[in-house]
Amino acid sequence: MSIVVLISGRGSNLQAILDADLPVTAVISNVAGAGGLELAARRGIPTRVVKHGDFQTREAYEEVLAAEIDRFAPKLLAHAGFMRIVTAGYVARYAGRMLNIHPSLLPSFTGLRTHERALAAGAKLHGCTVHFVTPELDAGPIVIQAAVPVLANDSVETLSKRVLRQEHIVYPRAIRWFLEGKLVIDNGRVSVKGNDAQYLFDDKS
């Protein structure tokens, strides 16, 4: 019963996962010096760096990445700010046991710059989504979402901070559900055994 967490940066969602006492057995980054590596090392968790820039193709990179992942035989892969678009072959290798956290209420605002785009679109609600990873970018079955109101005086910074607080709540929750065998995928939709709420709304922002 173990998790390998993949990161590219500071590791704030990794910190939330660790603080939830979830069984992280390794942290792997595609960026040397990523802040999350130090977080893991301070907890005595093995770390690895597989730099994507060292490889000529995505497939070559992912073959080495997968070899590092498989050393730890994880039950779950948790992409936590892992800024790589993965191939269909990689997804197939870990199908049904790979989660991602995305800073928008999917299917709105896939990809990058989500907070900026939400403000530009005049969205009244914004938030984050935990979903299973599939070959199509940010389009896998949704496990849980958290919404926050978009305030009249919001900037990208203020909005992103409020969304990030919700990410730190819902990602550990989704991971725990997975490890406890509570998630059921049927026809592309996820339900949770026991009827646990799959949404949060922070109206106190």
Protein backbone atom coordinates (compact mmCIF):
# COMPACT_ATOMS: atom_id res chain seq x y z
CA MET A 1 0.00 0.00 0.00
CA SER A 2 2.26 2.78 -1.23
CA ILE A 3 2.30 6.00 -3.24
CA VAL A 4 4.92 7.45 -5.53
CA VAL A 5 4.47 11.22 -5.90
CA LEU A 6 5.68 12.98 -9.04
CA ILE A 7 6.53 16.67 -8.84
CA SER A 8 8.19 19.48 -10.78
CA GLY A 9 8.34 22.29 -8.22
CA ARG A 10 7.97 23.42 -4.63
CA GLY A 11 5.78 20.49 -3.57
CA SER A 12 2.94 22.19 -1.70
CA ASN A 13 0.53 19.37 -2.55
CA LEU A 14 3.23 16.87 -1.63
CA GLN A 15 3.42 18.59 1.75
CA ALA A 16 -0.34 18.19 2.19
CA ILE A 17 -0.10 14.50 1.29
CA LEU A 18 2.73 13.97 3.77
CA ASP A 19 0.90 15.90 6.49
CA ALA A 20 -2.08 13.57 5.98
CA ASP A 21 0.20 10.63 6.91
CA LEU A 22 -0.38 8.90 3.61
CA PRO A 23 2.14 6.15 2.73
CA VAL A 24 4.52 7.94 0.35
CA THR A 25 7.45 5.64 -0.49
CA ALA A 26 9.21 7.83 -3.06
CA VAL A 27 9.16 11.26 -4.67
CA ILE A 28 10.34 11.68 -8.25
CA SER A 29 10.94 14.98 -10.03
CA ASN A 30 11.72 15.90 -13.61
CA VAL A 31 13.51 19.03 -12.31
CA ALA A 32 16.73 18.89 -10.34
CA GLY A 33 16.53 21.11 -7.27
CA ALA A 34 12.73 21.07 -7.08
CA GLY A 35 11.70 22.21 -3.60
CA GLY A 36 9.58 19.13 -3.02
CA LEU A 37 12.66 16.92 -3.10
CA GLU A 38 13.95 18.59 0.05
CA LEU A 39 10.56 18.17 1.73
CA ALA A 40 10.73 14.44 1.07
CA ALA A 41 14.36 14.11 2.10
CA ARG A 42 13.65 15.73 5.47
CA ARG A 43 11.10 12.96 6.07
CA GLY A 44 13.54 10.25 5.07
CA ILE A 45 11.63 9.47 1.88
CA PRO A 46 13.72 8.31 -1.10
CA THR A 47 13.91 10.80 -3.98
CA ARG A 48 14.86 10.48 -7.62
CA VAL A 49 15.42 12.98 -10.42
CA VAL A 50 14.76 12.02 -14.04
CA LYS A 51 15.31 15.15 -16.12
CA HIS A 52 13.15 15.18 -19.23
CA GLY A 53 15.67 17.41 -21.00
CA ASP A 54 18.17 14.57 -21.05
CA PHE A 55 16.05 12.61 -23.53
CA GLN A 56 15.24 13.16 -27.19
CA THR A 57 11.68 11.80 -27.05
CA ARG A 58 8.87 11.58 -24.53
CA GLU A 59 8.88 7.82 -24.91
CA ALA A 60 12.57 7.53 -24.06
CA TYR A 61 12.09 9.75 -21.03
CA GLU A 62 9.07 7.83 -19.80
CA GLU A 63 10.80 4.47 -20.14
CA VAL A 64 13.48 5.57 -17.66
CA LEU A 65 10.91 7.33 -15.46
CA ALA A 66 8.77 4.18 -15.35
CA ALA A 67 11.78 2.08 -14.39
CA GLU A 68 12.37 4.36 -11.39
CA ILE A 69 8.68 4.29 -10.45
CA ASP A 70 8.51 0.51 -10.67
CA ARG A 71 11.41 0.08 -8.25
CA PHE A 72 8.96 1.09 -5.53
CA ALA A 73 6.00 -1.00 -6.81
CA PRO A 74 3.43 1.66 -5.89
CA LYS A 75 -0.28 1.04 -5.67
CA LEU A 76 -0.87 4.64 -6.77
CA LEU A 77 0.95 7.35 -8.70
CA ALA A 78 0.06 10.87 -7.58
CA HIS A 79 0.96 13.64 -10.00
CA ALA A 80 1.32 16.69 -7.75
CA GLY A 81 2.40 19.63 -9.85
CA PHE A 82 4.15 17.29 -12.29
CA MET A 83 4.38 19.55 -15.33
CA ARG A 84 4.66 16.95 -18.04
CA ILE A 85 2.19 15.86 -20.70
CA VAL A 86 2.39 12.07 -20.73
CA THR A 87 1.99 9.66 -23.62
CA ALA A 88 -0.72 7.09 -24.12
CA GLY A 89 1.83 4.34 -23.48
CA TYR A 90 2.70 5.74 -20.06
CA VAL A 91 -0.98 6.08 -19.19
CA ALA A 92 -1.68 2.50 -20.26
CA ARG A 93 1.15 1.24 -18.04
CA TYR A 94 -0.47 2.76 -14.95
CA ALA A 95 -4.10 2.85 -16.04
CA GLY A 96 -6.59 3.20 -13.21
CA ARG A 97 -3.96 3.94 -10.58
CA MET A 98 -2.77 7.42 -11.45
CA LEU A 99 -4.30 10.63 -10.08
CA ASN A 100 -3.67 14.30 -10.88
CA ILE A 101 -4.66 17.59 -9.23
CA HIS A 102 -5.63 20.39 -11.62
CA PRO A 103 -6.29 24.03 -10.63
CA SER A 104 -9.67 24.53 -12.25
CA LEU A 105 -13.18 23.11 -12.20
CA LEU A 106 -12.76 20.71 -15.08
CA PRO A 107 -13.77 20.47 -17.85
CA SER A 108 -13.28 24.26 -17.82
CA PHE A 109 -9.78 25.68 -18.25
CA THR A 110 -7.68 22.66 -19.07
CA GLY A 111 -3.95 23.22 -19.44
CA LEU A 112 -1.99 26.16 -18.05
CA ARG A 113 -2.70 29.68 -16.67
CA THR A 114 -6.05 28.58 -15.28
CA HIS A 115 -6.49 31.39 -12.74
CA GLU A 116 -5.66 34.08 -15.27
CA ARG A 117 -8.08 32.58 -17.77
CA ALA A 118 -10.87 32.24 -15.20
CA LEU A 119 -10.56 35.93 -14.32
CA ALA A 120 -10.44 36.95 -17.98
CA ALA A 121 -13.58 34.91 -18.71
CA GLY A 122 -15.50 36.53 -15.86
CA ALA A 123 -16.05 33.20 -14.11
CA LYS A 124 -18.01 33.47 -10.87
CA LEU A 125 -16.75 30.14 -9.52
CA HIS A 126 -13.30 28.66 -9.80
CA GLY A 127 -11.56 25.82 -8.02
CA CYS A 128 -9.67 22.56 -8.40
CA THR A 129 -10.24 19.00 -9.53
CA VAL A 130 -8.71 15.64 -8.68
CA HIS A 131 -9.06 13.26 -11.61
CA PHE A 132 -7.70 10.03 -13.00
CA VAL A 133 -5.05 10.52 -15.68
CA THR A 134 -6.02 9.51 -19.22
CA PRO A 135 -4.31 10.13 -22.58
CA GLU A 136 -6.39 13.26 -23.19
CA LEU A 137 -5.06 16.24 -21.24
CA ASP A 138 -7.01 16.99 -18.03
CA ALA A 139 -9.95 14.91 -19.23
CA GLY A 140 -9.93 11.81 -17.01
CA PRO A 141 -12.78 10.74 -14.71
CA ILE A 142 -13.34 13.30 -11.95
CA VAL A 143 -12.94 12.11 -8.35
CA ILE A 144 -13.58 15.30 -6.36
CA GLN A 145 -13.83 19.05 -6.91
CA ALA A 146 -13.64 22.09 -4.66
CA ALA A 147 -15.05 25.48 -5.65
CA VAL A 148 -14.38 29.00 -4.43
CA PRO A 149 -16.18 32.21 -5.44
CA VAL A 150 -14.32 34.60 -7.70
CA LEU A 151 -14.36 37.94 -5.90
CA ALA A 152 -14.65 41.32 -7.61
CA ASN A 153 -11.21 42.42 -6.43
CA ASP A 154 -9.43 39.13 -7.09
CA SER A 155 -6.03 38.99 -8.73
CA VAL A 156 -4.34 35.89 -10.09
CA GLU A 157 -2.35 35.72 -6.85
CA THR A 158 -5.29 36.02 -4.45
CA LEU A 159 -7.43 33.59 -6.39
CA SER A 160 -4.66 31.04 -6.76
CA LYS A 161 -3.96 31.11 -3.02
CA ARG A 162 -7.58 30.31 -2.17
CA VAL A 163 -7.74 27.54 -4.72
CA LEU A 164 -4.46 26.09 -3.44
CA ARG A 165 -5.91 25.83 0.08
CA GLN A 166 -8.68 23.67 -1.35
CA GLU A 167 -6.19 21.54 -3.30
CA HIS A 168 -4.50 20.69 -0.02
CA ILE A 169 -7.83 19.41 1.33
CA VAL A 170 -9.18 17.42 -1.60
CA TYR A 171 -6.04 15.72 -2.91
CA PRO A 172 -5.22 13.81 0.29
CA ARG A 173 -8.91 12.92 0.59
CA ALA A 174 -9.03 11.49 -2.93
CA ILE A 175 -5.82 9.52 -2.37
CA ARG A 176 -7.17 8.05 0.85
CA TRP A 177 -10.38 7.01 -0.92
CA PHE A 178 -8.31 5.26 -3.59
CA LEU A 179 -6.14 3.41 -1.09
CA GLU A 180 -9.21 2.33 0.87
CA GLY A 181 -10.78 0.91 -2.29
CA LYS A 182 -13.70 3.34 -2.21
CA LEU A 183 -13.48 4.68 -5.76
CA VAL A 184 -15.61 3.07 -8.45
CA ILE A 185 -15.34 4.08 -12.12
CA ASP A 186 -18.39 3.28 -14.21
CA ASN A 187 -18.75 4.55 -17.77
CA GLY A 188 -16.26 7.34 -17.16
CA ARG A 189 -17.84 8.56 -13.94
CA VAL A 190 -16.42 8.12 -10.44
CA SER A 191 -18.48 7.34 -7.38
CA VAL A 192 -17.33 6.82 -3.80
CA LYS A 193 -18.51 3.86 -1.76
CA GLY A 194 -20.25 5.17 1.32
CA ASN A 195 -21.60 8.28 -0.44
CA ASP A 196 -18.76 10.57 0.67
CA ALA A 197 -19.23 14.08 -0.72
CA GLN A 198 -17.30 14.57 -3.94
CA TYR A 199 -17.43 18.35 -3.86
CA LEU A 200 -16.56 21.19 -1.50
CA PHE A 201 -17.64 24.82 -1.66
CA ASP A 202 -15.67 27.42 0.26
CA ASP A 203 -18.05 30.36 0.60
CA LYS A 204 -15.95 32.00 3.33
CA SER A 205 -13.16 33.14 1.01
